[in-house]
Amino acid sequence: MRLFASTVFAAACLCASAVHADTSSIPVPGPVRWDYVSVDADTHRVYLAHSTQVDVVDAQTQKVVQQFTPTPGVHGVAVAADLGRAFTSNGGSDEIGVFDLATGKSLGTVKVGQKPDAIAYDPLTHRVFSFNGKSLDISAVDGKTLKVLARSIPVGGTPEFAVNGGNGQIYFNIEDRSEAAVLDTQALKLVRRYSLAPCDEPSGLAIDDKHRLYSVCGNQLMVVSDPQTGKVLGHAPIGNGPDGVAWMDGKAYSANGRDGTISVVAEVAPGEFKTVATLKSEPGARTIAADPSLHALFTPTAQFEAATAQDAASHPKRPRALDETFHLLVIKP
């Protein structure tokens, strides 16, 4: 996933009727570049990968309470509550950053593959994994000792968003191959990869309580698959410009950055998935996380300069984000 600058924003998704949701906004000072957002539901803390820093927001007080820095080109955060640590994927320095959860202080860095993007922690093995976008591989690090266990587990494509199955497996998308894959966290090898057709360029990924995966795709689809059988179970239309998806209350929520909407997908009958509603967010809000106990979705964005006709012709996907306008939307469906 690329650090976000901006995209052109089209009309709202027409895949389902719009519904009301309570929405608030938390201003976050600093750069107007960002990527993944993640939530630790046990502590109700939201982690924002924010260019050269990670901002930590208390979801209950809606205030920034901590910051991890430096994190050059950070893409994501993996919380290891059992170790009292947080790990960051620093794409600008080809490193995993290590931070103390209590104090926010840096505990060091670990060199991994090129351009680490997604990051995931497995509490069963106490291992942290970076999914490296340029070297097309996965690096594995012991979360306790910070020893590199495997610098390169080849993927054969561009790894994208990853989720922990809680069963000794981590699932992730392979964006340029339109595939999903399964990593064995103990054996440190891929045990399965499979096609997500008709999905093109899968990015965001979520998992439900039945271990089914929800991949959001560049061709405005959400594809549901079973990673144990490697089969696609169904798909549903979503909005334009999705890059993240969250699971909450028996539904999958796709953040559509170009539309400024959130598509809500549910299983309406056994094996039948449909887009049942569309929530309003804001243009640019394309990554998303959920805190089910607070019944809240979190999606970051900024305000943008109006694009001129010349800008639209020369840079059709990148109107400029305005300085000091970065903020976190809190949406309660």
C-alpha atoms as a PDB file:
ATOM      1  CA  MET A   1       0.000   0.000   0.000  1.00  0.00           C
ATOM      2  CA  ARG A   2       1.421   3.398  -0.967  1.00  0.00           C
ATOM      3  CA  LEU A   3       1.614   6.336   1.378  1.00  0.00           C
ATOM      4  CA  PHE A   4      -1.442   8.353   0.484  1.00  0.00           C
ATOM      5  CA  ALA A   5      -1.151  11.675  -1.325  1.00  0.00           C
ATOM      6  CA  SER A   6      -4.649  11.807  -2.807  1.00  0.00           C
ATOM      7  CA  THR A   7      -6.910  10.690  -5.642  1.00  0.00           C
ATOM      8  CA  VAL A   8      -9.535  12.268  -7.856  1.00  0.00           C
ATOM      9  CA  PHE A   9     -12.926  11.805  -6.260  1.00  0.00           C
ATOM     10  CA  ALA A  10     -15.916  10.785  -8.310  1.00  0.00           C
ATOM     11  CA  ALA A  11     -19.625  10.614  -7.545  1.00  0.00           C
ATOM     12  CA  ALA A  12     -20.768   8.421  -4.677  1.00  0.00           C
ATOM     13  CA  CYS A  13     -21.182   4.679  -5.095  1.00  0.00           C
ATOM     14  CA  LEU A  14     -24.570   3.632  -6.448  1.00  0.00           C
ATOM     15  CA  CYS A  15     -24.293   0.012  -5.331  1.00  0.00           C
ATOM     16  CA  ALA A  16     -26.702   0.444  -2.383  1.00  0.00           C
ATOM     17  CA  SER A  17     -28.856   3.095  -0.779  1.00  0.00           C
ATOM     18  CA  ALA A  18     -27.088   5.586   1.462  1.00  0.00           C
ATOM     19  CA  VAL A  19     -27.803   5.302   5.187  1.00  0.00           C
ATOM     20  CA  HIS A  20     -27.149   7.649   8.102  1.00  0.00           C
ATOM     21  CA  ALA A  21     -24.282   7.128  10.523  1.00  0.00           C
ATOM     22  CA  ASP A  22     -23.045   9.257  13.407  1.00  0.00           C
ATOM     23  CA  THR A  23     -19.743  10.818  12.343  1.00  0.00           C
ATOM     24  CA  SER A  24     -17.142  12.847  14.220  1.00  0.00           C
ATOM     25  CA  SER A  25     -13.662  14.054  13.314  1.00  0.00           C
ATOM     26  CA  ILE A  26     -10.430  14.045  15.312  1.00  0.00           C
ATOM     27  CA  PRO A  27      -7.773  16.528  14.090  1.00  0.00           C
ATOM     28  CA  VAL A  28      -4.264  15.072  13.978  1.00  0.00           C
ATOM     29  CA  PRO A  29      -1.370  17.559  13.541  1.00  0.00           C
ATOM     30  CA  GLY A  30       1.482  16.821  11.185  1.00  0.00           C
ATOM     31  CA  PRO A  31       2.038  15.580   7.633  1.00  0.00           C
ATOM     32  CA  VAL A  32      -0.781  14.984   5.159  1.00  0.00           C
ATOM     33  CA  ARG A  33       0.538  11.621   4.060  1.00  0.00           C
ATOM     34  CA  TRP A  34      -0.692   8.401   5.625  1.00  0.00           C
ATOM     35  CA  ASP A  35      -1.384   4.706   5.073  1.00  0.00           C
ATOM     36  CA  TYR A  36      -2.779   1.916   7.264  1.00  0.00           C
ATOM     37  CA  VAL A  37      -4.912   2.501  10.319  1.00  0.00           C
ATOM     38  CA  SER A  38      -5.268  -0.258  12.926  1.00  0.00           C
ATOM     39  CA  VAL A  39      -7.087  -0.715  16.238  1.00  0.00           C
ATOM     40  CA  ASP A  40      -6.199  -2.510  19.449  1.00  0.00           C
ATOM     41  CA  ALA A  41      -9.733  -3.257  20.640  1.00  0.00           C
ATOM     42  CA  ASP A  42      -8.544  -4.295  24.115  1.00  0.00           C
ATOM     43  CA  THR A  43      -7.148  -0.841  24.873  1.00  0.00           C
ATOM     44  CA  HIS A  44      -9.350   1.105  22.421  1.00  0.00           C
ATOM     45  CA  ARG A  45      -6.285   2.664  20.852  1.00  0.00           C
ATOM     46  CA  VAL A  46      -6.096   3.583  17.184  1.00  0.00           C
ATOM     47  CA  TYR A  47      -2.722   3.535  15.418  1.00  0.00           C
ATOM     48  CA  LEU A  48      -2.243   5.857  12.452  1.00  0.00           C
ATOM     49  CA  ALA A  49       0.719   5.286  10.127  1.00  0.00           C
ATOM     50  CA  HIS A  50       1.503   8.916   9.377  1.00  0.00           C
ATOM     51  CA  SER A  51       4.477   9.476   7.034  1.00  0.00           C
ATOM     52  CA  THR A  52       7.430   9.717   9.481  1.00  0.00           C
ATOM     53  CA  GLN A  53       5.521   9.016  12.687  1.00  0.00           C
ATOM     54  CA  VAL A  54       2.747   6.914  14.164  1.00  0.00           C
ATOM     55  CA  ASP A  55       0.025   8.790  16.023  1.00  0.00           C
ATOM     56  CA  VAL A  56      -1.846   6.882  18.723  1.00  0.00           C
ATOM     57  CA  VAL A  57      -5.422   7.984  19.401  1.00  0.00           C
ATOM     58  CA  ASP A  58      -7.531   7.050  22.412  1.00  0.00           C
ATOM     59  CA  ALA A  59     -10.813   6.037  20.777  1.00  0.00           C
ATOM     60  CA  GLN A  60     -12.811   6.786  23.913  1.00  0.00           C
ATOM     61  CA  THR A  61     -11.525  10.297  24.611  1.00  0.00           C
ATOM     62  CA  GLN A  62     -10.879  10.939  20.876  1.00  0.00           C
ATOM     63  CA  LYS A  63      -7.492  12.505  21.617  1.00  0.00           C
ATOM     64  CA  VAL A  64      -3.942  11.834  20.415  1.00  0.00           C
ATOM     65  CA  VAL A  65      -2.201  10.311  23.454  1.00  0.00           C
ATOM     66  CA  GLN A  66       1.118   9.034  22.105  1.00  0.00           C
ATOM     67  CA  GLN A  67       3.478   9.160  19.144  1.00  0.00           C
ATOM     68  CA  PHE A  68       6.073   6.723  17.793  1.00  0.00           C
ATOM     69  CA  THR A  69       8.962   8.391  16.009  1.00  0.00           C
ATOM     70  CA  PRO A  70      11.046   8.182  13.882  1.00  0.00           C
ATOM     71  CA  THR A  71       9.289   5.857  11.452  1.00  0.00           C
ATOM     72  CA  PRO A  72      10.514   6.878   7.981  1.00  0.00           C
ATOM     73  CA  GLY A  73       7.925   6.063   5.311  1.00  0.00           C
ATOM     74  CA  VAL A  74       5.810   4.061   7.762  1.00  0.00           C
ATOM     75  CA  HIS A  75       2.997   1.964   6.290  1.00  0.00           C
ATOM     76  CA  GLY A  76       1.554   0.011   9.204  1.00  0.00           C
ATOM     77  CA  VAL A  77       1.673  -0.995  12.866  1.00  0.00           C
ATOM     78  CA  ALA A  78       1.427  -4.399  14.554  1.00  0.00           C
ATOM     79  CA  VAL A  79       0.705  -4.428  18.289  1.00  0.00           C
ATOM     80  CA  ALA A  80       2.191  -7.214  20.418  1.00  0.00           C
ATOM     81  CA  ALA A  81       0.358  -6.693  23.697  1.00  0.00           C
ATOM     82  CA  ASP A  82       1.890  -9.801  25.239  1.00  0.00           C
ATOM     83  CA  LEU A  83       5.366  -8.342  24.683  1.00  0.00           C
ATOM     84  CA  GLY A  84       4.441  -4.754  25.532  1.00  0.00           C
ATOM     85  CA  ARG A  85       5.702  -3.704  22.112  1.00  0.00           C
ATOM     86  CA  ALA A  86       4.533  -2.232  18.839  1.00  0.00           C
ATOM     87  CA  PHE A  87       6.225  -2.896  15.509  1.00  0.00           C
ATOM     88  CA  THR A  88       6.177  -0.532  12.522  1.00  0.00           C
ATOM     89  CA  SER A  89       6.895  -1.208   8.848  1.00  0.00           C
ATOM     90  CA  ASN A  90       9.261   1.609   7.866  1.00  0.00           C
ATOM     91  CA  GLY A  91       9.184   1.577   4.081  1.00  0.00           C
ATOM     92  CA  GLY A  92      11.603   4.493   3.792  1.00  0.00           C
ATOM     93  CA  SER A  93      14.452   2.720   5.595  1.00  0.00           C
ATOM     94  CA  ASP A  94      13.739  -0.982   4.910  1.00  0.00           C
ATOM     95  CA  GLU A  95      13.344  -1.617   8.623  1.00  0.00           C
ATOM     96  CA  ILE A  96      10.927  -2.745  11.292  1.00  0.00           C
ATOM     97  CA  GLY A  97      10.737  -0.197  14.086  1.00  0.00           C
ATOM     98  CA  VAL A  98      10.275  -1.432  17.652  1.00  0.00           C
ATOM     99  CA  PHE A  99       8.499   0.706  20.285  1.00  0.00           C
ATOM    100  CA  ASP A 100       7.542   0.339  23.929  1.00  0.00           C
ATOM    101  CA  LEU A 101       3.743   0.370  24.216  1.00  0.00           C
ATOM    102  CA  ALA A 102       3.737   2.005  27.640  1.00  0.00           C
ATOM    103  CA  THR A 103       6.157   4.857  26.969  1.00  0.00           C
ATOM    104  CA  GLY A 104       6.163   5.145  23.175  1.00  0.00           C
ATOM    105  CA  LYS A 105       9.968   5.119  23.221  1.00  0.00           C
ATOM    106  CA  SER A 106      11.982   3.488  20.462  1.00  0.00           C
ATOM    107  CA  LEU A 107      13.587   0.163  21.340  1.00  0.00           C
ATOM    108  CA  GLY A 108      15.529  -0.073  18.099  1.00  0.00           C
ATOM    109  CA  THR A 109      15.126  -1.181  14.511  1.00  0.00           C
ATOM    110  CA  VAL A 110      15.594  -4.393  12.543  1.00  0.00           C
ATOM    111  CA  LYS A 111      16.710  -4.494   8.918  1.00  0.00           C
ATOM    112  CA  VAL A 112      14.324  -6.476   6.691  1.00  0.00           C
ATOM    113  CA  GLY A 113      13.452  -6.703   2.986  1.00  0.00           C
ATOM    114  CA  GLN A 114      12.967  -3.782   0.616  1.00  0.00           C
ATOM    115  CA  LYS A 115      10.030  -1.417   1.158  1.00  0.00           C
ATOM    116  CA  PRO A 116       8.188  -3.178   3.980  1.00  0.00           C
ATOM    117  CA  ASP A 117       4.484  -2.399   3.651  1.00  0.00           C
ATOM    118  CA  ALA A 118       2.003  -4.566   5.548  1.00  0.00           C
ATOM    119  CA  ILE A 119       3.072  -5.908   8.942  1.00  0.00           C
ATOM    120  CA  ALA A 120       1.570  -8.574  11.207  1.00  0.00           C
ATOM    121  CA  TYR A 121       2.326 -10.123  14.591  1.00  0.00           C
ATOM    122  CA  ASP A 122       1.628 -13.729  15.564  1.00  0.00           C
ATOM    123  CA  PRO A 123       1.283 -14.208  19.355  1.00  0.00           C
ATOM    124  CA  LEU A 124       1.473 -18.006  19.026  1.00  0.00           C
ATOM    125  CA  THR A 125       5.082 -17.838  17.869  1.00  0.00           C
ATOM    126  CA  HIS A 126       5.917 -14.315  19.092  1.00  0.00           C
ATOM    127  CA  ARG A 127       7.035 -13.512  15.566  1.00  0.00           C
ATOM    128  CA  VAL A 128       6.520 -10.362  13.544  1.00  0.00           C
ATOM    129  CA  PHE A 129       6.320 -10.407   9.743  1.00  0.00           C
ATOM    130  CA  SER A 130       6.941  -7.610   7.255  1.00  0.00           C
ATOM    131  CA  PHE A 131       5.493  -7.904   3.759  1.00  0.00           C
ATOM    132  CA  ASN A 132       8.004  -6.239   1.475  1.00  0.00           C
ATOM    133  CA  GLY A 133       6.663  -4.502  -1.625  1.00  0.00           C
ATOM    134  CA  LYS A 134       9.909  -4.020  -3.562  1.00  0.00           C
ATOM    135  CA  SER A 135      11.769  -7.262  -2.807  1.00  0.00           C
ATOM    136  CA  LEU A 136       8.499  -9.230  -3.256  1.00  0.00           C
ATOM    137  CA  ASP A 137       8.990 -11.271  -0.117  1.00  0.00           C
ATOM    138  CA  ILE A 138       8.279 -11.608   3.596  1.00  0.00           C
ATOM    139  CA  SER A 139      10.746 -11.118   6.442  1.00  0.00           C
ATOM    140  CA  ALA A 140      10.284 -12.874   9.800  1.00  0.00           C
ATOM    141  CA  VAL A 141      11.660 -11.508  13.081  1.00  0.00           C
ATOM    142  CA  ASP A 142      11.555 -12.905  16.625  1.00  0.00           C
ATOM    143  CA  GLY A 143       9.486 -10.337  18.517  1.00  0.00           C
ATOM    144  CA  LYS A 144      11.306 -11.026  21.803  1.00  0.00           C
ATOM    145  CA  THR A 145      14.957 -11.157  20.752  1.00  0.00           C
ATOM    146  CA  LEU A 146      14.601  -9.118  17.521  1.00  0.00           C
ATOM    147  CA  LYS A 147      16.647 -11.750  15.720  1.00  0.00           C
ATOM    148  CA  VAL A 148      15.929 -12.060  11.998  1.00  0.00           C
ATOM    149  CA  LEU A 149      14.622 -15.590  11.439  1.00  0.00           C
ATOM    150  CA  ALA A 150      14.116 -15.282   7.685  1.00  0.00           C
ATOM    151  CA  ARG A 151      15.079 -12.222   5.706  1.00  0.00           C
ATOM    152  CA  SER A 152      13.359 -13.394   2.530  1.00  0.00           C
ATOM    153  CA  ILE A 153      10.411 -15.749   2.128  1.00  0.00           C
ATOM    154  CA  PRO A 154       9.696 -15.334  -1.606  1.00  0.00           C
ATOM    155  CA  VAL A 155       6.144 -14.441  -2.609  1.00  0.00           C
ATOM    156  CA  GLY A 156       6.472 -14.141  -6.399  1.00  0.00           C
ATOM    157  CA  GLY A 157       4.412 -10.957  -6.488  1.00  0.00           C
ATOM    158  CA  THR A 158       3.632  -7.805  -4.533  1.00  0.00           C
ATOM    159  CA  PRO A 159       2.370  -8.683  -1.053  1.00  0.00           C
ATOM    160  CA  GLU A 160      -0.369  -6.473   0.318  1.00  0.00           C
ATOM    161  CA  PHE A 161      -2.526  -6.242   3.430  1.00  0.00           C
ATOM    162  CA  ALA A 162      -2.150  -9.142   5.893  1.00  0.00           C
ATOM    163  CA  VAL A 163      -4.339 -10.520   8.699  1.00  0.00           C
ATOM    164  CA  ASN A 164      -3.564 -13.047  11.426  1.00  0.00           C
ATOM    165  CA  GLY A 165      -5.834 -16.087  11.489  1.00  0.00           C
ATOM    166  CA  GLY A 166      -5.020 -16.855  15.143  1.00  0.00           C
ATOM    167  CA  ASN A 167      -4.247 -20.440  14.115  1.00  0.00           C
ATOM    168  CA  GLY A 168      -0.577 -20.264  13.214  1.00  0.00           C
ATOM    169  CA  GLN A 169      -1.373 -18.823   9.792  1.00  0.00           C
ATOM    170  CA  ILE A 170      -1.270 -15.327   8.336  1.00  0.00           C
ATOM    171  CA  TYR A 171      -3.290 -14.510   5.229  1.00  0.00           C
ATOM    172  CA  PHE A 172      -2.397 -11.816   2.710  1.00  0.00           C
ATOM    173  CA  ASN A 173      -3.225 -10.510  -0.743  1.00  0.00           C
ATOM    174  CA  ILE A 174      -0.804 -10.584  -3.681  1.00  0.00           C
ATOM    175  CA  GLU A 175      -1.801  -7.409  -5.477  1.00  0.00           C
ATOM    176  CA  ASP A 176      -0.206  -7.740  -8.925  1.00  0.00           C
ATOM    177  CA  ARG A 177      -1.217 -11.417  -9.279  1.00  0.00           C
ATOM    178  CA  SER A 178      -4.814 -10.998  -8.044  1.00  0.00           C
ATOM    179  CA  GLU A 179      -4.197 -13.787  -5.569  1.00  0.00           C
ATOM    180  CA  ALA A 180      -4.367 -14.537  -1.852  1.00  0.00           C
ATOM    181  CA  ALA A 181      -1.817 -16.594   0.048  1.00  0.00           C
ATOM    182  CA  VAL A 182      -1.365 -18.413   3.357  1.00  0.00           C
ATOM    183  CA  LEU A 183       1.827 -18.205   5.441  1.00  0.00           C
ATOM    184  CA  ASP A 184       2.691 -20.851   8.061  1.00  0.00           C
ATOM    185  CA  THR A 185       4.139 -18.789  10.925  1.00  0.00           C
ATOM    186  CA  GLN A 186       6.035 -21.717  12.477  1.00  0.00           C
ATOM    187  CA  ALA A 187       7.465 -23.322   9.330  1.00  0.00           C
ATOM    188  CA  LEU A 188       8.072 -19.893   7.720  1.00  0.00           C
ATOM    189  CA  LYS A 189       6.787 -20.936   4.329  1.00  0.00           C
ATOM    190  CA  LEU A 190       3.781 -20.438   2.092  1.00  0.00           C
ATOM    191  CA  VAL A 191       1.341 -23.316   2.270  1.00  0.00           C
ATOM    192  CA  ARG A 192      -1.178 -22.067  -0.276  1.00  0.00           C
ATOM    193  CA  ARG A 193      -1.800 -19.370  -2.860  1.00  0.00           C
ATOM    194  CA  TYR A 194      -4.922 -19.092  -4.957  1.00  0.00           C
ATOM    195  CA  SER A 195      -6.700 -16.922  -7.484  1.00  0.00           C
ATOM    196  CA  LEU A 196      -9.171 -14.247  -6.378  1.00  0.00           C
ATOM    197  CA  ALA A 197     -10.742 -13.882  -9.839  1.00  0.00           C
ATOM    198  CA  PRO A 198     -12.775 -11.831 -10.737  1.00  0.00           C
ATOM    199  CA  CYS A 199     -10.806  -9.515  -8.414  1.00  0.00           C
ATOM    200  CA  ASP A 200      -8.209  -7.151  -9.903  1.00  0.00           C
ATOM    201  CA  GLU A 201      -5.442  -5.697  -7.713  1.00  0.00           C
ATOM    202  CA  PRO A 202      -6.583  -6.803  -4.244  1.00  0.00           C
ATOM    203  CA  SER A 203      -5.424  -4.456  -1.499  1.00  0.00           C
ATOM    204  CA  GLY A 204      -7.285  -4.322   1.838  1.00  0.00           C
ATOM    205  CA  LEU A 205      -8.133  -7.552   3.640  1.00  0.00           C
ATOM    206  CA  ALA A 206     -10.380  -8.521   6.576  1.00  0.00           C
ATOM    207  CA  ILE A 207     -11.300 -11.794   8.254  1.00  0.00           C
ATOM    208  CA  ASP A 208     -14.591 -12.859   9.837  1.00  0.00           C
ATOM    209  CA  ASP A 209     -15.325 -15.228  12.728  1.00  0.00           C
ATOM    210  CA  LYS A 210     -15.651 -18.136  10.284  1.00  0.00           C
ATOM    211  CA  HIS A 211     -12.137 -17.526   8.941  1.00  0.00           C
ATOM    212  CA  ARG A 212     -13.414 -16.257   5.614  1.00  0.00           C
ATOM    213  CA  LEU A 213     -11.426 -13.499   3.914  1.00  0.00           C
ATOM    214  CA  TYR A 214     -12.758 -10.257   2.414  1.00  0.00           C
ATOM    215  CA  SER A 215     -10.475  -8.694  -0.219  1.00  0.00           C
ATOM    216  CA  VAL A 216     -11.233  -5.273  -1.706  1.00  0.00           C
ATOM    217  CA  CYS A 217     -10.276  -4.939  -5.347  1.00  0.00           C
ATOM    218  CA  GLY A 218      -9.346  -2.161  -7.756  1.00  0.00           C
ATOM    219  CA  ASN A 219     -12.206  -3.085 -10.102  1.00  0.00           C
ATOM    220  CA  GLN A 220     -14.793  -2.111  -7.461  1.00  0.00           C
ATOM    221  CA  LEU A 221     -15.464  -5.573  -6.079  1.00  0.00           C
ATOM    222  CA  MET A 222     -15.208  -7.193  -2.691  1.00  0.00           C
ATOM    223  CA  VAL A 223     -14.303 -10.863  -3.055  1.00  0.00           C
ATOM    224  CA  VAL A 224     -14.974 -13.378  -0.284  1.00  0.00           C
ATOM    225  CA  SER A 225     -12.771 -16.475  -0.132  1.00  0.00           C
ATOM    226  CA  ASP A 226     -11.949 -19.507   2.003  1.00  0.00           C
ATOM    227  CA  PRO A 227      -8.172 -19.652   2.601  1.00  0.00           C
ATOM    228  CA  GLN A 228      -8.291 -23.295   3.706  1.00  0.00           C
ATOM    229  CA  THR A 229      -9.748 -24.530   0.423  1.00  0.00           C
ATOM    230  CA  GLY A 230      -8.439 -21.747  -1.802  1.00  0.00           C
ATOM    231  CA  LYS A 231     -11.906 -21.104  -3.222  1.00  0.00           C
ATOM    232  CA  VAL A 232     -13.772 -17.894  -3.946  1.00  0.00           C
ATOM    233  CA  LEU A 233     -17.135 -17.999  -2.186  1.00  0.00           C
ATOM    234  CA  GLY A 234     -18.737 -14.902  -3.654  1.00  0.00           C
ATOM    235  CA  HIS A 235     -18.362 -11.226  -4.436  1.00  0.00           C
ATOM    236  CA  ALA A 236     -20.256  -7.951  -4.242  1.00  0.00           C
ATOM    237  CA  PRO A 237     -19.918  -4.486  -5.819  1.00  0.00           C
ATOM    238  CA  ILE A 238     -18.279  -1.700  -3.809  1.00  0.00           C
ATOM    239  CA  GLY A 239     -17.265   1.906  -4.423  1.00  0.00           C
ATOM    240  CA  ASN A 240     -14.319   3.401  -6.258  1.00  0.00           C
ATOM    241  CA  GLY A 241     -10.791   3.612  -4.871  1.00  0.00           C
ATOM    242  CA  PRO A 242     -10.928   1.047  -2.036  1.00  0.00           C
ATOM    243  CA  ASP A 243      -7.746   0.301  -0.118  1.00  0.00           C
ATOM    244  CA  GLY A 244      -9.003  -1.043   3.184  1.00  0.00           C
ATOM    245  CA  VAL A 245     -11.777  -3.162   4.661  1.00  0.00           C
ATOM    246  CA  ALA A 246     -12.855  -3.881   8.237  1.00  0.00           C
ATOM    247  CA  TRP A 247     -15.062  -6.571   9.788  1.00  0.00           C
ATOM    248  CA  MET A 248     -17.625  -5.565  12.424  1.00  0.00           C
ATOM    249  CA  ASP A 249     -21.093  -6.662  13.529  1.00  0.00           C
ATOM    250  CA  GLY A 250     -21.318  -9.448  10.959  1.00  0.00           C
ATOM    251  CA  LYS A 251     -20.532  -7.150   8.023  1.00  0.00           C
ATOM    252  CA  ALA A 252     -17.532  -6.078   5.970  1.00  0.00           C
ATOM    253  CA  TYR A 253     -16.936  -2.339   5.479  1.00  0.00           C
ATOM    254  CA  SER A 254     -14.965  -1.188   2.421  1.00  0.00           C
ATOM    255  CA  ALA A 255     -13.394   2.294   2.525  1.00  0.00           C
ATOM    256  CA  ASN A 256     -13.750   3.829  -0.956  1.00  0.00           C
ATOM    257  CA  GLY A 257     -11.342   6.765  -1.146  1.00  0.00           C
ATOM    258  CA  ARG A 258     -12.346   8.172  -4.502  1.00  0.00           C
ATOM    259  CA  ASP A 259     -16.048   8.114  -3.756  1.00  0.00           C
ATOM    260  CA  GLY A 260     -15.860   9.217  -0.152  1.00  0.00           C
ATOM    261  CA  THR A 261     -18.104   6.310   0.843  1.00  0.00           C
ATOM    262  CA  ILE A 262     -18.044   3.058   2.768  1.00  0.00           C
ATOM    263  CA  SER A 263     -19.693   0.015   1.159  1.00  0.00           C
ATOM    264  CA  VAL A 264     -21.299  -2.427   3.598  1.00  0.00           C
ATOM    265  CA  VAL A 265     -21.287  -6.080   2.491  1.00  0.00           C
ATOM    266  CA  ALA A 266     -23.168  -8.873   4.277  1.00  0.00           C
ATOM    267  CA  GLU A 267     -24.034 -12.534   3.768  1.00  0.00           C
ATOM    268  CA  VAL A 268     -27.780 -12.240   3.115  1.00  0.00           C
ATOM    269  CA  ALA A 269     -28.254 -15.997   2.621  1.00  0.00           C
ATOM    270  CA  PRO A 270     -25.834 -18.917   2.961  1.00  0.00           C
ATOM    271  CA  GLY A 271     -23.090 -18.303   0.407  1.00  0.00           C
ATOM    272  CA  GLU A 272     -24.779 -15.166  -0.983  1.00  0.00           C
ATOM    273  CA  PHE A 273     -22.991 -11.837  -0.399  1.00  0.00           C
ATOM    274  CA  LYS A 274     -24.530  -8.471  -1.215  1.00  0.00           C
ATOM    275  CA  THR A 275     -23.832  -4.788  -0.715  1.00  0.00           C
ATOM    276  CA  VAL A 276     -26.582  -3.874   1.714  1.00  0.00           C
ATOM    277  CA  ALA A 277     -25.809  -0.202   2.425  1.00  0.00           C
ATOM    278  CA  THR A 278     -23.518   2.712   1.638  1.00  0.00           C
ATOM    279  CA  LEU A 279     -22.220   5.035   4.355  1.00  0.00           C
ATOM    280  CA  LYS A 280     -20.878   8.506   3.738  1.00  0.00           C
ATOM    281  CA  SER A 281     -17.271   9.196   4.691  1.00  0.00           C
ATOM    282  CA  GLU A 282     -15.060  11.800   2.977  1.00  0.00           C
ATOM    283  CA  PRO A 283     -12.930  11.898  -0.174  1.00  0.00           C
ATOM    284  CA  GLY A 284      -9.537  10.321   0.476  1.00  0.00           C
ATOM    285  CA  ALA A 285     -10.735   8.049   3.293  1.00  0.00           C
ATOM    286  CA  ARG A 286      -9.558   4.768   1.836  1.00  0.00           C
ATOM    287  CA  THR A 287      -8.070   2.802   4.766  1.00  0.00           C
ATOM    288  CA  ILE A 288     -10.205   1.663   7.669  1.00  0.00           C
ATOM    289  CA  ALA A 289     -10.243  -0.197  10.987  1.00  0.00           C
ATOM    290  CA  ALA A 290     -12.952  -1.138  13.468  1.00  0.00           C
ATOM    291  CA  ASP A 291     -13.459  -1.338  17.227  1.00  0.00           C
ATOM    292  CA  PRO A 292     -16.474  -3.679  17.552  1.00  0.00           C
ATOM    293  CA  SER A 293     -16.981  -3.082  21.274  1.00  0.00           C
ATOM    294  CA  LEU A 294     -17.332   0.659  20.618  1.00  0.00           C
ATOM    295  CA  HIS A 295     -19.321  -0.031  17.438  1.00  0.00           C
ATOM    296  CA  ALA A 296     -17.013   2.390  15.634  1.00  0.00           C
ATOM    297  CA  LEU A 297     -15.141   2.598  12.343  1.00  0.00           C
ATOM    298  CA  PHE A 298     -11.988   4.701  11.943  1.00  0.00           C
ATOM    299  CA  THR A 299     -10.798   6.075   8.600  1.00  0.00           C
ATOM    300  CA  PRO A 300      -8.160   8.800   8.068  1.00  0.00           C
ATOM    301  CA  THR A 301      -8.193  11.516   5.417  1.00  0.00           C
ATOM    302  CA  ALA A 302      -7.448  15.209   4.819  1.00  0.00           C
ATOM    303  CA  GLN A 303      -8.863  18.179   2.966  1.00  0.00           C
ATOM    304  CA  PHE A 304      -7.827  18.745  -0.627  1.00  0.00           C
ATOM    305  CA  GLU A 305      -7.080  21.578  -2.962  1.00  0.00           C
ATOM    306  CA  ALA A 306      -9.621  21.955  -5.750  1.00  0.00           C
ATOM    307  CA  ALA A 307      -8.102  20.512  -8.918  1.00  0.00           C
ATOM    308  CA  THR A 308      -7.850  22.793 -11.956  1.00  0.00           C
ATOM    309  CA  ALA A 309      -8.511  21.524 -15.471  1.00  0.00           C
ATOM    310  CA  GLN A 310      -4.760  21.530 -16.092  1.00  0.00           C
ATOM    311  CA  ASP A 311      -4.105  19.554 -12.908  1.00  0.00           C
ATOM    312  CA  ALA A 312      -6.770  17.049 -13.852  1.00  0.00           C
ATOM    313  CA  ALA A 313      -5.089  16.511 -17.221  1.00  0.00           C
ATOM    314  CA  SER A 314      -1.511  16.262 -15.929  1.00  0.00           C
ATOM    315  CA  HIS A 315      -2.100  14.622 -12.523  1.00  0.00           C
ATOM    316  CA  PRO A 316      -5.544  13.027 -12.738  1.00  0.00           C
ATOM    317  CA  LYS A 317      -5.173  11.060  -9.532  1.00  0.00           C
ATOM    318  CA  ARG A 318      -3.355  13.441  -7.210  1.00  0.00           C
ATOM    319  CA  PRO A 319      -4.931  16.736  -6.130  1.00  0.00           C
ATOM    320  CA  ARG A 320      -2.853  18.224  -3.329  1.00  0.00           C
ATOM    321  CA  ALA A 321      -3.766  17.581   0.281  1.00  0.00           C
ATOM    322  CA  LEU A 322      -3.835  20.812   2.287  1.00  0.00           C
ATOM    323  CA  ASP A 323      -1.270  21.231   5.050  1.00  0.00           C
ATOM    324  CA  GLU A 324      -2.421  20.616   8.630  1.00  0.00           C
ATOM    325  CA  THR A 325      -5.796  19.159   7.594  1.00  0.00           C
ATOM    326  CA  PHE A 326      -5.133  15.508   8.401  1.00  0.00           C
ATOM    327  CA  HIS A 327      -7.885  14.037  10.551  1.00  0.00           C
ATOM    328  CA  LEU A 328      -9.418  10.762  11.663  1.00  0.00           C
ATOM    329  CA  LEU A 329     -13.096  10.133  10.988  1.00  0.00           C
ATOM    330  CA  VAL A 330     -15.030   8.160  13.589  1.00  0.00           C
ATOM    331  CA  ILE A 331     -18.147   6.609  12.082  1.00  0.00           C
ATOM    332  CA  LYS A 332     -20.776   4.742  14.090  1.00  0.00           C
ATOM    333  CA  PRO A 333     -23.273   3.005  11.761  1.00  0.00           C
END
